[in-house]
Each structure stands twice: as structure tokens, then as C-alpha cells.
N, C-alpha and C. Protein backbone atom coordinates (compact mmCIF):
# COMPACT_ATOMS: atom_id res chain seq x y z
N MET A 1 32.89 43.76 57.97
CA MET A 1 31.64 43.51 58.64
C MET A 1 31.73 42.23 59.48
N VAL A 2 32.40 41.23 58.96
CA VAL A 2 32.56 39.98 59.69
C VAL A 2 33.48 40.19 60.89
N ALA A 3 34.49 41.03 60.73
CA ALA A 3 35.42 41.29 61.82
C ALA A 3 34.71 41.95 63.00
N ILE A 4 33.82 42.87 62.72
CA ILE A 4 33.09 43.54 63.81
C ILE A 4 32.17 42.54 64.50
N SER A 5 31.56 41.65 63.73
CA SER A 5 30.69 40.63 64.34
C SER A 5 31.48 39.71 65.26
N ILE A 6 32.69 39.35 64.86
CA ILE A 6 33.54 38.50 65.69
C ILE A 6 33.94 39.24 66.96
N ILE A 7 34.29 40.51 66.84
CA ILE A 7 34.67 41.31 68.02
C ILE A 7 33.47 41.44 68.96
N ILE A 8 32.27 41.61 68.40
CA ILE A 8 31.06 41.70 69.23
C ILE A 8 30.85 40.40 70.01
N LEU A 9 31.06 39.27 69.36
CA LEU A 9 30.90 37.98 70.05
C LEU A 9 31.94 37.81 71.16
N ILE A 10 33.16 38.25 70.93
CA ILE A 10 34.20 38.15 71.96
C ILE A 10 33.86 39.04 73.15
N VAL A 11 33.40 40.27 72.87
CA VAL A 11 33.03 41.19 73.95
C VAL A 11 31.84 40.62 74.73
N CYS A 12 30.88 40.01 74.04
CA CYS A 12 29.74 39.40 74.73
C CYS A 12 30.19 38.27 75.66
N GLY A 13 31.11 37.45 75.18
CA GLY A 13 31.63 36.38 76.03
C GLY A 13 32.36 36.90 77.25
N LEU A 14 33.20 37.91 77.04
CA LEU A 14 33.92 38.50 78.18
C LEU A 14 32.96 39.15 79.17
N LEU A 15 31.94 39.82 78.64
CA LEU A 15 30.96 40.47 79.52
C LEU A 15 30.21 39.43 80.34
N ALA A 16 29.86 38.32 79.73
CA ALA A 16 29.18 37.25 80.46
C ALA A 16 30.07 36.70 81.57
N LEU A 17 31.35 36.51 81.28
CA LEU A 17 32.26 36.00 82.30
C LEU A 17 32.43 36.98 83.46
N VAL A 18 32.54 38.26 83.14
CA VAL A 18 32.72 39.27 84.20
C VAL A 18 31.46 39.36 85.05
N VAL A 19 30.29 39.31 84.42
CA VAL A 19 29.05 39.39 85.20
C VAL A 19 28.87 38.14 86.06
N LEU A 20 29.23 36.97 85.53
CA LEU A 20 29.09 35.75 86.32
C LEU A 20 30.10 35.68 87.47
N ALA A 21 31.22 36.38 87.34
CA ALA A 21 32.21 36.38 88.41
C ALA A 21 31.75 37.22 89.60
N GLN A 22 30.78 38.09 89.36
CA GLN A 22 30.29 38.95 90.44
C GLN A 22 29.21 38.24 91.23
N ASN A 23 29.12 38.61 92.49
CA ASN A 23 28.07 38.09 93.35
C ASN A 23 27.06 39.21 93.55
N PRO A 24 25.77 38.92 93.43
CA PRO A 24 24.79 40.01 93.60
C PRO A 24 24.79 40.62 94.99
N LYS A 25 25.37 39.92 95.97
CA LYS A 25 25.41 40.45 97.33
C LYS A 25 26.73 41.14 97.65
N GLY A 26 27.59 41.28 96.65
CA GLY A 26 28.83 42.00 96.88
C GLY A 26 30.04 41.11 97.08
N GLY A 27 29.88 39.81 97.16
CA GLY A 27 31.01 38.91 97.38
C GLY A 27 31.65 38.52 96.06
N GLY A 28 31.18 37.45 95.48
CA GLY A 28 31.66 37.00 94.19
C GLY A 28 33.11 36.59 94.21
N LEU A 29 33.82 36.96 93.17
CA LEU A 29 35.23 36.62 93.05
C LEU A 29 36.05 37.30 94.15
N ALA A 30 35.59 38.45 94.59
CA ALA A 30 36.31 39.18 95.63
C ALA A 30 36.30 38.44 96.97
N ALA A 31 35.31 37.60 97.21
CA ALA A 31 35.23 36.87 98.48
C ALA A 31 36.35 35.86 98.62
N GLY A 32 36.90 35.38 97.52
CA GLY A 32 37.99 34.42 97.59
C GLY A 32 39.32 35.03 97.98
N PHE A 33 39.42 36.36 97.92
CA PHE A 33 40.67 37.05 98.21
C PHE A 33 40.62 37.77 99.55
N THR A 34 39.94 37.21 100.52
CA THR A 34 39.82 37.89 101.82
C THR A 34 41.15 37.96 102.54
N GLY A 35 42.05 37.01 102.31
CA GLY A 35 43.35 37.02 102.97
C GLY A 35 44.38 37.88 102.26
N ALA A 36 44.09 38.34 101.08
CA ALA A 36 45.07 39.09 100.28
C ALA A 36 44.80 40.59 100.36
N GLN A 37 44.63 41.10 101.54
CA GLN A 37 44.33 42.52 101.73
C GLN A 37 45.50 43.41 101.33
N GLN A 38 46.74 42.91 101.44
CA GLN A 38 47.89 43.75 101.18
C GLN A 38 48.11 44.01 99.69
N ILE A 39 47.63 43.11 98.81
CA ILE A 39 47.83 43.29 97.37
C ILE A 39 46.47 43.51 96.72
N GLY A 40 46.10 44.73 96.56
CA GLY A 40 44.82 45.03 95.91
C GLY A 40 43.66 44.97 96.87
N GLY A 41 43.48 43.88 97.51
CA GLY A 41 42.39 43.74 98.47
C GLY A 41 41.07 43.39 97.81
N VAL A 42 40.09 43.12 98.66
CA VAL A 42 38.78 42.72 98.19
C VAL A 42 38.07 43.86 97.51
N GLN A 43 38.17 45.05 98.05
CA GLN A 43 37.47 46.19 97.49
C GLN A 43 37.97 46.49 96.09
N ARG A 44 39.27 46.38 95.87
CA ARG A 44 39.83 46.66 94.54
C ARG A 44 39.35 45.64 93.51
N THR A 45 39.18 44.39 93.91
CA THR A 45 38.72 43.37 92.98
C THR A 45 37.29 43.65 92.54
N SER A 46 36.43 44.00 93.47
CA SER A 46 35.04 44.30 93.10
C SER A 46 34.96 45.58 92.27
N ASP A 47 35.82 46.56 92.57
CA ASP A 47 35.86 47.78 91.75
C ASP A 47 36.31 47.46 90.33
N PHE A 48 37.31 46.58 90.22
CA PHE A 48 37.81 46.19 88.90
C PHE A 48 36.72 45.48 88.10
N LEU A 49 35.99 44.57 88.75
CA LEU A 49 34.92 43.86 88.05
C LEU A 49 33.80 44.80 87.63
N GLU A 50 33.48 45.76 88.48
CA GLU A 50 32.42 46.71 88.13
C GLU A 50 32.85 47.62 86.97
N LYS A 51 34.09 48.10 87.02
CA LYS A 51 34.59 48.93 85.92
C LYS A 51 34.71 48.13 84.63
N GLY A 52 35.10 46.87 84.76
CA GLY A 52 35.17 46.01 83.59
C GLY A 52 33.80 45.76 82.97
N THR A 53 32.79 45.61 83.82
CA THR A 53 31.43 45.42 83.33
C THR A 53 30.96 46.64 82.56
N TRP A 54 31.15 47.82 83.13
CA TRP A 54 30.71 49.04 82.46
C TRP A 54 31.50 49.29 81.17
N THR A 55 32.79 49.00 81.20
CA THR A 55 33.61 49.20 80.00
C THR A 55 33.19 48.25 78.88
N LEU A 56 32.99 46.98 79.21
CA LEU A 56 32.58 46.02 78.19
C LEU A 56 31.17 46.31 77.67
N ALA A 57 30.28 46.75 78.56
CA ALA A 57 28.93 47.09 78.12
C ALA A 57 28.95 48.29 77.18
N GLY A 58 29.77 49.29 77.51
CA GLY A 58 29.90 50.46 76.63
C GLY A 58 30.53 50.09 75.29
N ALA A 59 31.54 49.24 75.34
CA ALA A 59 32.18 48.81 74.10
C ALA A 59 31.21 48.02 73.24
N LEU A 60 30.39 47.19 73.86
CA LEU A 60 29.39 46.42 73.12
C LEU A 60 28.38 47.35 72.45
N MET A 61 27.94 48.37 73.17
CA MET A 61 26.99 49.32 72.60
C MET A 61 27.59 50.06 71.41
N VAL A 62 28.83 50.53 71.55
CA VAL A 62 29.49 51.24 70.47
C VAL A 62 29.70 50.33 69.26
N LEU A 63 30.12 49.11 69.50
CA LEU A 63 30.33 48.17 68.39
C LEU A 63 29.03 47.85 67.67
N CYS A 64 27.94 47.72 68.40
CA CYS A 64 26.65 47.48 67.76
C CYS A 64 26.22 48.66 66.91
N LEU A 65 26.45 49.88 67.41
CA LEU A 65 26.11 51.07 66.62
C LEU A 65 26.98 51.18 65.37
N VAL A 66 28.26 50.87 65.50
CA VAL A 66 29.16 50.90 64.34
C VAL A 66 28.74 49.84 63.33
N SER A 67 28.39 48.66 63.83
CA SER A 67 27.97 47.59 62.93
C SER A 67 26.70 47.98 62.18
N THR A 68 25.77 48.61 62.88
CA THR A 68 24.54 49.06 62.23
C THR A 68 24.82 50.14 61.21
N ALA A 69 25.70 51.06 61.53
CA ALA A 69 26.04 52.13 60.58
C ALA A 69 26.72 51.57 59.34
N LEU A 70 27.62 50.62 59.53
CA LEU A 70 28.29 50.02 58.38
C LEU A 70 27.33 49.18 57.56
N GLN A 71 26.42 48.51 58.21
CA GLN A 71 25.45 47.70 57.50
C GLN A 71 24.50 48.60 56.71
N GLY A 72 24.15 49.76 57.26
CA GLY A 72 23.27 50.68 56.56
C GLY A 72 23.91 51.24 55.31
N THR A 73 25.22 51.54 55.36
CA THR A 73 25.88 52.07 54.17
C THR A 73 26.14 50.97 53.15
N ALA A 74 26.32 49.75 53.60
CA ALA A 74 26.59 48.66 52.67
C ALA A 74 25.33 48.25 51.92
N THR A 75 24.18 48.34 52.57
CA THR A 75 22.95 47.90 51.92
C THR A 75 22.19 49.05 51.27
N SER A 76 22.64 50.29 51.41
CA SER A 76 21.90 51.39 50.81
C SER A 76 21.96 51.34 49.29
N ALA A 77 23.02 50.77 48.73
CA ALA A 77 23.11 50.65 47.29
C ALA A 77 22.16 49.58 46.78
N MET A 78 21.93 48.56 47.57
CA MET A 78 21.05 47.48 47.16
C MET A 78 19.77 47.52 47.99
N ASP A 79 19.07 48.60 47.93
CA ASP A 79 17.90 48.82 48.77
C ASP A 79 16.64 48.36 48.04
N ASP A 80 16.59 47.09 47.70
CA ASP A 80 15.47 46.57 46.93
C ASP A 80 14.23 46.36 47.78
N LEU A 81 14.40 46.04 49.04
CA LEU A 81 13.25 45.72 49.86
C LEU A 81 12.46 46.96 50.25
N ASP A 82 13.13 48.08 50.44
CA ASP A 82 12.45 49.29 50.88
C ASP A 82 11.94 50.14 49.73
N SER A 83 12.41 49.91 48.53
CA SER A 83 11.98 50.73 47.40
C SER A 83 10.62 50.25 46.92
N PRO A 84 9.80 51.18 46.42
CA PRO A 84 8.48 50.77 45.93
C PRO A 84 8.61 49.92 44.67
N ILE A 85 7.64 49.16 44.45
CA ILE A 85 7.65 48.30 43.26
C ILE A 85 7.33 49.17 42.05
N LEU A 86 8.29 49.27 41.16
CA LEU A 86 8.11 50.12 39.99
C LEU A 86 7.46 49.37 38.84
N GLU A 87 7.82 48.15 38.72
CA GLU A 87 7.26 47.35 37.63
C GLU A 87 6.51 46.18 38.23
N GLN A 88 5.29 46.05 37.79
CA GLN A 88 4.50 44.91 38.25
C GLN A 88 4.25 44.00 37.07
N ALA A 89 4.13 42.76 37.36
CA ALA A 89 3.82 41.80 36.31
C ALA A 89 2.41 42.06 35.82
N PRO A 90 2.18 41.95 34.52
CA PRO A 90 0.82 42.19 34.01
C PRO A 90 -0.15 41.16 34.59
N ALA A 91 -1.34 41.63 34.86
CA ALA A 91 -2.35 40.74 35.43
C ALA A 91 -2.73 39.69 34.40
N GLU A 92 -2.90 38.49 34.85
CA GLU A 92 -3.29 37.41 33.94
C GLU A 92 -4.72 37.63 33.47
N ASP A 93 -4.96 37.25 32.27
CA ASP A 93 -6.32 37.35 31.76
C ASP A 93 -7.13 36.22 32.36
N LEU A 94 -8.05 36.58 33.20
CA LEU A 94 -8.89 35.58 33.84
C LEU A 94 -10.11 35.33 32.97
N PRO A 95 -10.60 34.12 32.94
CA PRO A 95 -11.82 33.86 32.17
C PRO A 95 -12.99 34.62 32.77
N PRO A 96 -13.94 34.99 31.95
CA PRO A 96 -15.08 35.74 32.50
C PRO A 96 -15.85 34.89 33.51
N ALA A 97 -16.41 35.58 34.45
CA ALA A 97 -17.19 34.90 35.49
C ALA A 97 -18.42 34.26 34.85
N PRO A 98 -18.75 33.04 35.27
CA PRO A 98 -19.94 32.39 34.68
C PRO A 98 -21.21 33.14 35.08
N GLU A 99 -22.10 33.26 34.10
CA GLU A 99 -23.37 33.94 34.38
C GLU A 99 -24.33 32.97 35.01
N GLU A 100 -25.26 33.53 35.76
CA GLU A 100 -26.25 32.68 36.42
C GLU A 100 -27.22 32.13 35.39
N GLU A 101 -27.64 30.90 35.52
CA GLU A 101 -28.49 30.24 34.55
C GLU A 101 -29.97 30.54 34.77
N GLY A 102 -30.32 31.13 35.86
CA GLY A 102 -31.72 31.36 36.17
C GLY A 102 -32.33 32.48 35.35
N GLN A 103 -31.62 33.22 34.60
CA GLN A 103 -32.18 34.36 33.90
C GLN A 103 -32.50 34.07 32.50
């Protein structure tokens, strides 16, 4: 369970870096490679960042679902919070209410 949480944190960090590398107007990291058209080019860099974003987002979703499924099976044996209260503590004997003196 801890391993999946660590992997989720790593994927979140990578996803944040990939999203921050992109420019909302289409430039971003690809704008720095305008002279390198012969090796990959600008279009390939933006395609790579977009595919990386979708891949990391999908991986994050799958990891969260797996984590939830594993957490559900681990806590189903100790389901104390969701089970009804079977035994209640006996009510304390309260002293009788004082009667009104006007009668």
C-alpha cells in the first residue's frame, strides 16, 4: 500500500513537470527548439509532451483506482466504522427529576 502511494506521488510530480513545460498557446518547451527542425522538430516535441500528459494522467487514474481497491480489501476485515453498534453501554441511572414545589 505504501509502495503504490509513493508511485502515485512520483507520477503526480512528473505530471506537474510535463504540464508546466507546456505553453497554453502551443509554444512551451517546443519553442526553444525552433532551430532543431532536422532532429524531431518542434511539432514532435509538443506531440511528445501531449502524449506524456495523457499517459501520466491515465496512469495516475489507474493507480488511484488500484489503491482504492486494495484499501477496500484491506479494511473490509476491520470494518468497525461502518458496522452498526451491536452493544451499547447501559444507560446511567439518572436521579429522578425534581418535582415542582407549588403543588
